[in-house]
Each structure stands twice: as structure tokens, then as C-alpha cells.
């Protein structure tokens, strides 16, 4: 009898077990909030720590000016929102000073001021 190249399933597993294991844990509202606004990641740089969030094109509804190239980020364009994680006056002040960047401008920004 020829060998099968298909992996054998563990007893008791179902074909949809993989999709259920990837389901978000916790409150449904928290999951919807992360899905709508993106996941914030902490990024270390020579100029300090930054909270960085990617904004999907479908969620980009306003026009912003990129501080890296001083060009407009128009609605429908994917971009990055960044704000200081180590702001001297606290998290609320840092969040109010967040800036919208083109992804390439954020990655290639200069650390010399």
C-alpha cells in the first residue's frame, strides 16, 4: 500500500480547531477596538521610546501633514501614528502630541535635531 503524504490528525481534533485557537481572548469590545484602530507597539530608537500604530487605508479618513517630508497624507492612504512613550509630562500629553507619518518617512527619519 502506498504511503500518504497527508499528516495524520490527532485524536479528538477537528478541522476547525486551528481557527478557534486563533480567536481573540477577552472582551469582544477590546478586540473590536484593536481591529478598528490597530495594535500599538513599543519601538526603541536613539531618540527615546515611541508608541507606533499602523493605520489602514480604510481607517484613514482625514488629511494630515507628515513631519518627515512635510507633504500631505490624504484620506485612504496607509500611514503610521507615533507618539512618545517616555514623554516628560505623562501619557495624556504624549497622546495629544502624536504625529501622522508616511511609513517610509518614519523608518528613515533622522535622529539628529
N, C-alpha and C. Protein backbone atom coordinates (compact mmCIF):
# COMPACT_ATOMS: atom_id res chain seq x y z
N UNK A 1 0.85 -1.17 0.00
CA UNK A 1 0.00 0.00 0.00
C UNK A 1 0.90 1.24 0.00
N UNK A 2 0.63 2.25 -0.87
CA UNK A 2 1.46 3.45 -0.92
C UNK A 2 1.23 4.32 0.32
N UNK A 3 2.28 5.06 0.67
CA UNK A 3 2.20 5.97 1.81
C UNK A 3 1.46 7.23 1.43
N UNK A 4 0.78 7.78 2.38
CA UNK A 4 0.08 9.05 2.18
C UNK A 4 0.97 10.19 2.66
N UNK A 5 1.00 11.27 1.91
CA UNK A 5 1.77 12.44 2.32
C UNK A 5 0.98 13.38 3.22
N UNK A 6 -0.23 13.04 3.50
CA UNK A 6 -1.06 13.90 4.35
C UNK A 6 -0.75 13.63 5.81
N UNK A 7 -0.61 14.65 6.61
CA UNK A 7 -0.35 14.44 8.04
C UNK A 7 -1.56 13.84 8.72
N UNK A 8 -1.29 13.03 9.70
CA UNK A 8 -2.39 12.41 10.45
C UNK A 8 -2.88 13.37 11.53
N UNK A 9 -4.17 13.36 11.74
CA UNK A 9 -4.76 14.20 12.77
C UNK A 9 -4.64 13.53 14.12
N UNK A 10 -4.54 14.37 15.14
CA UNK A 10 -4.54 13.86 16.50
C UNK A 10 -5.96 13.44 16.84
N UNK A 11 -6.12 12.43 17.69
CA UNK A 11 -7.48 12.02 18.08
C UNK A 11 -8.20 13.17 18.77
N UNK A 12 -9.42 13.40 18.39
CA UNK A 12 -10.25 14.43 19.01
C UNK A 12 -10.12 15.80 18.37
N UNK A 13 -9.21 15.96 17.42
CA UNK A 13 -9.09 17.27 16.79
C UNK A 13 -10.08 17.37 15.64
N UNK A 14 -10.46 18.59 15.37
CA UNK A 14 -11.41 18.83 14.28
C UNK A 14 -10.74 19.72 13.24
N UNK A 15 -11.25 19.75 12.04
CA UNK A 15 -10.64 20.61 11.01
C UNK A 15 -10.65 22.09 11.38
N UNK A 16 -11.61 22.53 12.18
CA UNK A 16 -11.71 23.93 12.54
C UNK A 16 -11.01 24.28 13.85
N UNK A 17 -10.25 23.37 14.41
CA UNK A 17 -9.57 23.63 15.68
C UNK A 17 -8.56 24.76 15.52
N UNK A 18 -7.92 24.86 14.37
CA UNK A 18 -6.93 25.92 14.16
C UNK A 18 -7.59 27.29 14.19
N UNK A 19 -8.73 27.44 13.56
CA UNK A 19 -9.37 28.75 13.52
C UNK A 19 -9.89 29.14 14.90
N UNK A 20 -10.32 28.18 15.70
CA UNK A 20 -10.78 28.51 17.04
C UNK A 20 -9.64 28.88 17.96
N UNK A 21 -8.45 28.31 17.75
CA UNK A 21 -7.33 28.63 18.62
C UNK A 21 -6.81 30.04 18.36
N UNK A 22 -7.10 30.60 17.19
CA UNK A 22 -6.66 31.96 16.88
C UNK A 22 -7.69 33.01 17.28
N UNK A 23 -8.79 32.60 17.84
CA UNK A 23 -9.81 33.55 18.24
C UNK A 23 -9.29 34.43 19.36
N UNK A 24 -9.62 35.71 19.35
CA UNK A 24 -9.12 36.62 20.39
C UNK A 24 -9.71 36.26 21.75
N UNK A 25 -8.90 36.46 22.77
CA UNK A 25 -9.35 36.20 24.12
C UNK A 25 -9.81 37.49 24.74
N UNK A 26 -10.65 37.40 25.73
CA UNK A 26 -11.06 38.60 26.45
C UNK A 26 -12.35 39.17 25.92
N UNK A 27 -12.52 40.42 26.20
CA UNK A 27 -13.74 41.14 25.87
C UNK A 27 -13.85 41.39 24.37
N UNK A 28 -15.05 41.23 23.82
CA UNK A 28 -15.27 41.47 22.39
C UNK A 28 -15.04 42.94 22.03
N UNK A 29 -15.36 43.86 22.95
CA UNK A 29 -15.14 45.27 22.66
C UNK A 29 -13.66 45.59 22.53
N UNK A 30 -12.81 44.98 23.36
CA UNK A 30 -11.36 45.18 23.26
C UNK A 30 -10.86 44.69 21.91
N UNK A 31 -11.33 43.56 21.48
CA UNK A 31 -10.91 43.01 20.20
C UNK A 31 -11.33 43.93 19.05
N UNK A 32 -12.56 44.43 19.12
CA UNK A 32 -13.04 45.34 18.08
C UNK A 32 -12.25 46.65 18.09
N UNK A 33 -11.89 47.12 19.27
CA UNK A 33 -11.09 48.35 19.37
C UNK A 33 -9.73 48.16 18.71
N UNK A 34 -9.07 47.02 18.97
CA UNK A 34 -7.76 46.75 18.36
C UNK A 34 -7.90 46.58 16.86
N UNK A 35 -8.97 45.95 16.41
CA UNK A 35 -9.17 45.75 14.98
C UNK A 35 -9.45 47.07 14.27
N UNK A 36 -10.18 47.96 14.92
CA UNK A 36 -10.54 49.23 14.30
C UNK A 36 -9.36 50.20 14.27
N UNK A 37 -8.62 50.31 15.36
CA UNK A 37 -7.58 51.32 15.45
C UNK A 37 -6.17 50.78 15.32
N UNK A 38 -5.99 49.49 15.24
CA UNK A 38 -4.65 48.92 15.09
C UNK A 38 -4.02 48.62 16.44
N UNK A 39 -3.01 47.80 16.41
CA UNK A 39 -2.31 47.40 17.62
C UNK A 39 -1.13 48.34 17.82
N UNK A 40 -1.00 48.86 19.01
CA UNK A 40 0.09 49.76 19.34
C UNK A 40 1.30 48.93 19.74
N UNK A 41 2.44 49.24 19.12
CA UNK A 41 3.67 48.54 19.50
C UNK A 41 4.66 49.56 20.03
N UNK A 42 5.52 49.12 20.93
CA UNK A 42 6.53 49.98 21.52
C UNK A 42 7.81 49.84 20.72
N UNK A 43 8.39 50.95 20.33
CA UNK A 43 9.58 50.94 19.50
C UNK A 43 10.68 51.76 20.17
N UNK A 44 11.85 51.14 20.33
CA UNK A 44 13.01 51.84 20.88
C UNK A 44 13.80 52.48 19.76
N UNK A 45 14.24 53.70 19.97
CA UNK A 45 15.03 54.44 18.98
C UNK A 45 16.07 55.26 19.73
N UNK A 46 17.08 55.76 19.03
CA UNK A 46 18.08 56.60 19.70
C UNK A 46 17.48 57.85 20.36
N UNK A 47 16.34 58.30 19.87
CA UNK A 47 15.71 59.49 20.46
C UNK A 47 14.63 59.16 21.48
N UNK A 48 14.59 57.94 21.97
CA UNK A 48 13.66 57.55 23.02
C UNK A 48 12.74 56.42 22.59
N UNK A 49 11.76 56.13 23.44
CA UNK A 49 10.77 55.10 23.14
C UNK A 49 9.53 55.74 22.54
N UNK A 50 8.95 55.04 21.58
CA UNK A 50 7.79 55.54 20.85
C UNK A 50 6.70 54.49 20.81
N UNK A 51 5.46 54.93 20.95
CA UNK A 51 4.31 54.08 20.65
C UNK A 51 4.02 54.28 19.17
N UNK A 52 3.88 53.20 18.43
CA UNK A 52 3.67 53.27 16.99
C UNK A 52 2.45 52.44 16.62
N UNK A 53 1.57 53.02 15.83
CA UNK A 53 0.36 52.32 15.37
C UNK A 53 0.25 52.49 13.86
N UNK A 54 0.01 51.40 13.15
CA UNK A 54 -0.21 51.47 11.71
C UNK A 54 -1.69 51.73 11.46
N UNK A 55 -1.97 52.63 10.55
CA UNK A 55 -3.34 52.97 10.18
C UNK A 55 -3.60 52.41 8.78
N UNK A 56 -4.64 51.61 8.66
CA UNK A 56 -5.01 51.00 7.38
C UNK A 56 -5.66 52.05 6.48
N UNK A 57 -5.58 51.87 5.18
CA UNK A 57 -6.19 52.85 4.26
C UNK A 57 -7.68 53.07 4.49
N UNK A 58 -8.38 52.04 4.88
CA UNK A 58 -9.83 52.18 5.09
C UNK A 58 -10.13 53.03 6.32
N UNK A 59 -9.19 53.07 7.28
CA UNK A 59 -9.39 53.86 8.50
C UNK A 59 -8.81 55.26 8.41
N UNK A 60 -8.12 55.57 7.33
CA UNK A 60 -7.54 56.90 7.15
C UNK A 60 -8.58 57.80 6.51
N UNK A 61 -9.19 58.67 7.30
CA UNK A 61 -10.30 59.48 6.80
C UNK A 61 -10.02 60.98 6.83
N UNK A 62 -8.90 61.39 7.40
CA UNK A 62 -8.57 62.81 7.47
C UNK A 62 -7.29 63.11 6.70
N UNK A 63 -7.02 64.37 6.52
CA UNK A 63 -5.78 64.81 5.88
C UNK A 63 -4.81 65.28 6.96
N UNK A 64 -3.58 64.80 6.90
CA UNK A 64 -2.54 65.16 7.85
C UNK A 64 -1.30 65.61 7.09
N UNK A 65 -0.42 66.32 7.76
CA UNK A 65 0.87 66.70 7.19
C UNK A 65 1.94 65.86 7.85
N UNK A 66 2.73 65.17 7.05
CA UNK A 66 3.80 64.31 7.54
C UNK A 66 4.95 65.19 8.04
N UNK A 67 5.41 65.01 9.28
CA UNK A 67 6.52 65.83 9.78
C UNK A 67 7.86 65.47 9.15
N UNK A 68 7.95 64.34 8.48
CA UNK A 68 9.20 63.93 7.84
C UNK A 68 9.45 64.62 6.52
N UNK A 69 8.43 64.66 5.65
CA UNK A 69 8.60 65.24 4.31
C UNK A 69 7.75 66.49 4.10
N UNK A 70 6.89 66.82 5.06
CA UNK A 70 6.01 67.99 5.01
C UNK A 70 5.03 67.94 3.85
N UNK A 71 4.72 66.73 3.37
CA UNK A 71 3.69 66.55 2.35
C UNK A 71 2.41 66.04 3.02
N UNK A 72 1.33 66.15 2.30
CA UNK A 72 0.04 65.76 2.85
C UNK A 72 -0.14 64.24 2.82
N UNK A 73 -0.77 63.73 3.86
CA UNK A 73 -1.24 62.34 3.90
C UNK A 73 -2.74 62.44 3.68
N UNK A 74 -3.19 62.03 2.54
CA UNK A 74 -4.60 62.21 2.17
C UNK A 74 -5.44 61.05 2.68
N UNK A 75 -6.75 61.21 2.74
CA UNK A 75 -7.62 60.11 3.16
C UNK A 75 -7.45 58.91 2.22
N UNK A 76 -7.46 57.73 2.81
CA UNK A 76 -7.32 56.50 2.04
C UNK A 76 -5.89 56.05 1.85
N UNK A 77 -4.94 56.74 2.49
CA UNK A 77 -3.52 56.36 2.38
C UNK A 77 -3.07 55.76 3.71
N UNK A 78 -2.48 54.57 3.64
CA UNK A 78 -1.97 53.93 4.86
C UNK A 78 -0.82 54.76 5.41
N UNK A 79 -0.78 54.90 6.74
CA UNK A 79 0.28 55.67 7.37
C UNK A 79 0.53 55.17 8.78
N UNK A 80 1.43 55.83 9.49
CA UNK A 80 1.84 55.44 10.84
C UNK A 80 1.55 56.60 11.78
N UNK A 81 1.05 56.30 12.96
CA UNK A 81 0.86 57.30 14.00
C UNK A 81 1.88 56.99 15.10
N UNK A 82 2.63 57.99 15.53
CA UNK A 82 3.66 57.79 16.54
C UNK A 82 3.57 58.86 17.62
N UNK A 83 3.80 58.46 18.87
CA UNK A 83 3.88 59.40 19.98
C UNK A 83 4.83 58.85 21.02
N UNK A 84 5.41 59.73 21.80
CA UNK A 84 6.45 59.37 22.76
C UNK A 84 5.90 58.48 23.86
N UNK A 85 6.66 57.47 24.22
CA UNK A 85 6.30 56.62 25.35
C UNK A 85 6.91 57.14 26.63
N UNK A 86 7.95 57.96 26.50
CA UNK A 86 8.66 58.47 27.68
C UNK A 86 8.55 59.99 27.76
N UNK A 87 7.36 60.50 27.48
CA UNK A 87 7.14 61.95 27.50
C UNK A 87 7.26 62.46 28.92
N UNK A 88 7.89 63.60 29.09
CA UNK A 88 8.17 64.13 30.43
C UNK A 88 6.92 64.56 31.18
N UNK A 89 5.82 64.86 30.50
CA UNK A 89 4.62 65.30 31.21
C UNK A 89 3.51 64.26 31.22
N UNK A 90 3.82 63.01 30.89
CA UNK A 90 2.84 61.94 31.04
C UNK A 90 2.25 61.45 29.73
N UNK A 91 1.48 60.38 29.85
CA UNK A 91 0.91 59.71 28.69
C UNK A 91 -0.16 60.54 27.98
N UNK A 92 -0.95 61.30 28.74
CA UNK A 92 -2.00 62.10 28.12
C UNK A 92 -1.42 63.19 27.22
N UNK A 93 -0.37 63.84 27.72
CA UNK A 93 0.28 64.88 26.91
C UNK A 93 0.95 64.27 25.69
N UNK A 94 1.54 63.09 25.85
CA UNK A 94 2.20 62.42 24.72
C UNK A 94 1.17 62.04 23.66
N UNK A 95 0.03 61.52 24.08
CA UNK A 95 -1.00 61.13 23.12
C UNK A 95 -1.57 62.34 22.38
N UNK A 96 -1.63 63.47 23.05
CA UNK A 96 -2.15 64.66 22.37
C UNK A 96 -1.12 65.23 21.39
N UNK A 97 0.15 64.87 21.54
CA UNK A 97 1.21 65.32 20.63
C UNK A 97 1.57 64.27 19.58
N UNK A 98 0.70 63.31 19.34
CA UNK A 98 1.02 62.28 18.34
C UNK A 98 1.05 62.88 16.94
N UNK A 99 1.84 62.25 16.08
CA UNK A 99 2.01 62.73 14.72
C UNK A 99 1.77 61.61 13.73
N UNK A 100 1.25 61.96 12.57
CA UNK A 100 0.97 61.01 11.50
C UNK A 100 2.10 61.10 10.48
N UNK A 101 2.72 59.96 10.17
CA UNK A 101 3.88 59.89 9.29
C UNK A 101 3.60 58.96 8.12
N UNK A 102 4.25 59.21 6.98
CA UNK A 102 4.31 58.19 5.94
C UNK A 102 5.20 57.06 6.50
N UNK A 103 4.90 55.80 6.20
CA UNK A 103 5.73 54.71 6.75
C UNK A 103 7.21 54.85 6.38
N UNK A 104 7.50 55.24 5.14
CA UNK A 104 8.89 55.38 4.73
C UNK A 104 9.57 56.54 5.45
N UNK A 105 8.85 57.63 5.67
CA UNK A 105 9.42 58.77 6.40
C UNK A 105 9.71 58.39 7.84
N UNK A 106 8.84 57.60 8.45
CA UNK A 106 9.05 57.18 9.84
C UNK A 106 10.28 56.27 9.95
N UNK A 107 10.41 55.34 9.03
CA UNK A 107 11.54 54.40 9.10
C UNK A 107 12.86 55.07 8.77
N UNK A 108 12.86 56.11 7.95
CA UNK A 108 14.11 56.73 7.54
C UNK A 108 14.34 58.09 8.20
N UNK A 109 13.65 58.38 9.30
CA UNK A 109 13.80 59.69 9.93
C UNK A 109 15.20 59.86 10.52
N UNK A 110 15.61 61.09 10.62
CA UNK A 110 16.92 61.43 11.17
C UNK A 110 16.79 61.61 12.68
N UNK A 111 17.78 61.13 13.41
CA UNK A 111 17.78 61.29 14.86
C UNK A 111 18.56 62.52 15.29
N UNK A 112 19.12 63.26 14.34
CA UNK A 112 19.84 64.49 14.66
C UNK A 112 18.85 65.65 14.61
N UNK A 113 18.88 66.47 15.61
CA UNK A 113 17.92 67.59 15.66
C UNK A 113 18.64 68.91 15.62
